[in-house]
C-alpha atoms as a PDB file:
ATOM      1  CA  UNK A   1      51.400  21.586 -29.097  1.00  0.00           C
ATOM      2  CA  UNK A   2      50.497  24.767 -27.252  1.00  0.00           C
ATOM      3  CA  UNK A   3      47.678  24.677 -24.725  1.00  0.00           C
ATOM      4  CA  UNK A   4      45.805  27.369 -26.691  1.00  0.00           C
ATOM      5  CA  UNK A   5      45.864  25.428 -29.972  1.00  0.00           C
ATOM      6  CA  UNK A   6      42.262  24.213 -29.466  1.00  0.00           C
ATOM      7  CA  UNK A   7      41.105  27.840 -29.458  1.00  0.00           C
ATOM      8  CA  UNK A   8      43.096  28.529 -32.622  1.00  0.00           C
ATOM      9  CA  UNK A   9      41.616  25.451 -34.278  1.00  0.00           C
ATOM     10  CA  UNK A  10      38.098  26.477 -33.259  1.00  0.00           C
ATOM     11  CA  UNK A  11      38.595  29.968 -34.683  1.00  0.00           C
ATOM     12  CA  UNK A  12      39.889  28.527 -37.957  1.00  0.00           C
ATOM     13  CA  UNK A  13      36.559  26.737 -38.407  1.00  0.00           C
ATOM     14  CA  UNK A  14      34.513  29.918 -37.998  1.00  0.00           C
ATOM     15  CA  UNK A  15      33.301  31.760 -41.079  1.00  0.00           C
ATOM     16  CA  UNK A  16      31.671  34.758 -39.404  1.00  0.00           C
ATOM     17  CA  UNK A  17      33.163  38.222 -39.294  1.00  0.00           C
ATOM     18  CA  UNK A  18      32.360  38.768 -35.639  1.00  0.00           C
ATOM     19  CA  UNK A  19      30.999  36.723 -32.735  1.00  0.00           C
ATOM     20  CA  UNK A  20      31.085  36.488 -28.936  1.00  0.00           C
ATOM     21  CA  UNK A  21      32.097  33.600 -26.711  1.00  0.00           C
ATOM     22  CA  UNK A  22      31.513  33.494 -22.967  1.00  0.00           C
ATOM     23  CA  UNK A  23      34.420  32.639 -20.707  1.00  0.00           C
ATOM     24  CA  UNK A  24      32.713  29.298 -19.998  1.00  0.00           C
ATOM     25  CA  UNK A  25      32.537  28.533 -23.723  1.00  0.00           C
ATOM     26  CA  UNK A  26      36.212  29.381 -24.166  1.00  0.00           C
ATOM     27  CA  UNK A  27      37.139  27.138 -21.238  1.00  0.00           C
ATOM     28  CA  UNK A  28      35.095  24.327 -22.772  1.00  0.00           C
ATOM     29  CA  UNK A  29      36.956  24.732 -26.080  1.00  0.00           C
ATOM     30  CA  UNK A  30      40.317  24.773 -24.297  1.00  0.00           C
ATOM     31  CA  UNK A  31      39.559  21.991 -21.839  1.00  0.00           C
ATOM     32  CA  UNK A  32      40.872  23.951 -18.848  1.00  0.00           C
ATOM     33  CA  UNK A  33      40.029  26.987 -16.725  1.00  0.00           C
ATOM     34  CA  UNK A  34      41.319  30.351 -17.852  1.00  0.00           C
ATOM     35  CA  UNK A  35      43.741  32.113 -15.504  1.00  0.00           C
ATOM     36  CA  UNK A  36      42.579  35.057 -13.393  1.00  0.00           C
ATOM     37  CA  UNK A  37      44.511  37.367 -15.716  1.00  0.00           C
ATOM     38  CA  UNK A  38      41.992  36.594 -18.472  1.00  0.00           C
ATOM     39  CA  UNK A  39      39.561  38.947 -16.750  1.00  0.00           C
ATOM     40  CA  UNK A  40      41.774  41.870 -17.812  1.00  0.00           C
ATOM     41  CA  UNK A  41      41.219  43.391 -21.234  1.00  0.00           C
ATOM     42  CA  UNK A  42      44.974  43.517 -21.890  1.00  0.00           C
ATOM     43  CA  UNK A  43      45.191  39.704 -21.651  1.00  0.00           C
ATOM     44  CA  UNK A  44      43.118  39.393 -24.838  1.00  0.00           C
ATOM     45  CA  UNK A  45      44.173  42.343 -26.941  1.00  0.00           C
ATOM     46  CA  UNK A  46      46.955  42.083 -29.457  1.00  0.00           C
ATOM     47  CA  UNK A  47      50.354  42.953 -28.121  1.00  0.00           C
ATOM     48  CA  UNK A  48      51.774  46.356 -28.810  1.00  0.00           C
ATOM     49  CA  UNK A  49      55.270  45.146 -28.093  1.00  0.00           C
ATOM     50  CA  UNK A  50      56.601  41.848 -29.529  1.00  0.00           C
ATOM     51  CA  UNK A  51      58.354  41.208 -26.210  1.00  0.00           C
ATOM     52  CA  UNK A  52      54.903  40.943 -24.597  1.00  0.00           C
ATOM     53  CA  UNK A  53      53.719  38.126 -26.880  1.00  0.00           C
ATOM     54  CA  UNK A  54      51.490  35.604 -25.148  1.00  0.00           C
ATOM     55  CA  UNK A  55      50.393  32.170 -26.372  1.00  0.00           C
ATOM     56  CA  UNK A  56      46.678  33.008 -26.166  1.00  0.00           C
ATOM     57  CA  UNK A  57      47.206  36.091 -28.349  1.00  0.00           C
ATOM     58  CA  UNK A  58      49.207  34.064 -30.848  1.00  0.00           C
ATOM     59  CA  UNK A  59      46.456  31.424 -31.010  1.00  0.00           C
ATOM     60  CA  UNK A  60      43.790  34.061 -31.595  1.00  0.00           C
ATOM     61  CA  UNK A  61      45.823  35.797 -34.293  1.00  0.00           C
ATOM     62  CA  UNK A  62      46.768  32.491 -35.931  1.00  0.00           C
ATOM     63  CA  UNK A  63      43.071  31.616 -35.923  1.00  0.00           C
ATOM     64  CA  UNK A  64      42.444  34.752 -37.994  1.00  0.00           C
ATOM     65  CA  UNK A  65      40.843  36.933 -35.335  1.00  0.00           C
ATOM     66  CA  UNK A  66      41.448  39.769 -32.914  1.00  0.00           C
ATOM     67  CA  UNK A  67      39.857  39.563 -29.461  1.00  0.00           C
ATOM     68  CA  UNK A  68      38.439  42.141 -27.088  1.00  0.00           C
ATOM     69  CA  UNK A  69      37.033  41.454 -23.636  1.00  0.00           C
ATOM     70  CA  UNK A  70      33.446  42.682 -23.344  1.00  0.00           C
ATOM     71  CA  UNK A  71      32.941  45.683 -21.042  1.00  0.00           C
ATOM     72  CA  UNK A  72      30.317  43.772 -19.014  1.00  0.00           C
ATOM     73  CA  UNK A  73      32.894  41.028 -18.231  1.00  0.00           C
ATOM     74  CA  UNK A  74      30.630  38.344 -19.716  1.00  0.00           C
ATOM     75  CA  UNK A  75      32.895  37.181 -22.519  1.00  0.00           C
ATOM     76  CA  UNK A  76      35.117  38.011 -25.449  1.00  0.00           C
ATOM     77  CA  UNK A  77      34.287  39.472 -28.864  1.00  0.00           C
ATOM     78  CA  UNK A  78      36.211  37.981 -31.765  1.00  0.00           C
ATOM     79  CA  UNK A  79      36.568  39.966 -35.006  1.00  0.00           C
ATOM     80  CA  UNK A  80      38.054  38.532 -38.173  1.00  0.00           C
ATOM     81  CA  UNK A  81      41.363  40.161 -39.085  1.00  0.00           C
ATOM     82  CA  UNK A  82      40.789  39.917 -42.826  1.00  0.00           C
ATOM     83  CA  UNK A  83      37.668  39.121 -44.761  1.00  0.00           C
ATOM     84  CA  UNK A  84      37.619  35.874 -46.657  1.00  0.00           C
ATOM     85  CA  UNK A  85      37.910  36.510 -50.354  1.00  0.00           C
ATOM     86  CA  UNK A  86      35.118  35.354 -52.606  1.00  0.00           C
ATOM     87  CA  UNK A  87      36.485  33.211 -55.394  1.00  0.00           C
ATOM     88  CA  UNK A  88      33.920  32.742 -58.175  1.00  0.00           C
ATOM     89  CA  UNK A  89      33.436  29.279 -59.643  1.00  0.00           C
ATOM     90  CA  UNK A  90      34.228  28.987 -63.327  1.00  0.00           C
END
């Protein structure tokens, strides 16, 4: 189990297209303090180079979202990667 699996699992339960979590909320979900590097936007954004893969990015992507640190440094915006498809009941 990866230490960022709780964040992935939390994201999998979400059904909104976009939402914001504070750093405190993320730490509560994870059960540990985020590293200092999490204050940098690049720590959250998807990797441009597969060699730069990070477990937190994998957890966010596997949870179905992309993440962007807010410009005011108060949290992280999560946006769904793909919209859930509506399947009509027959």
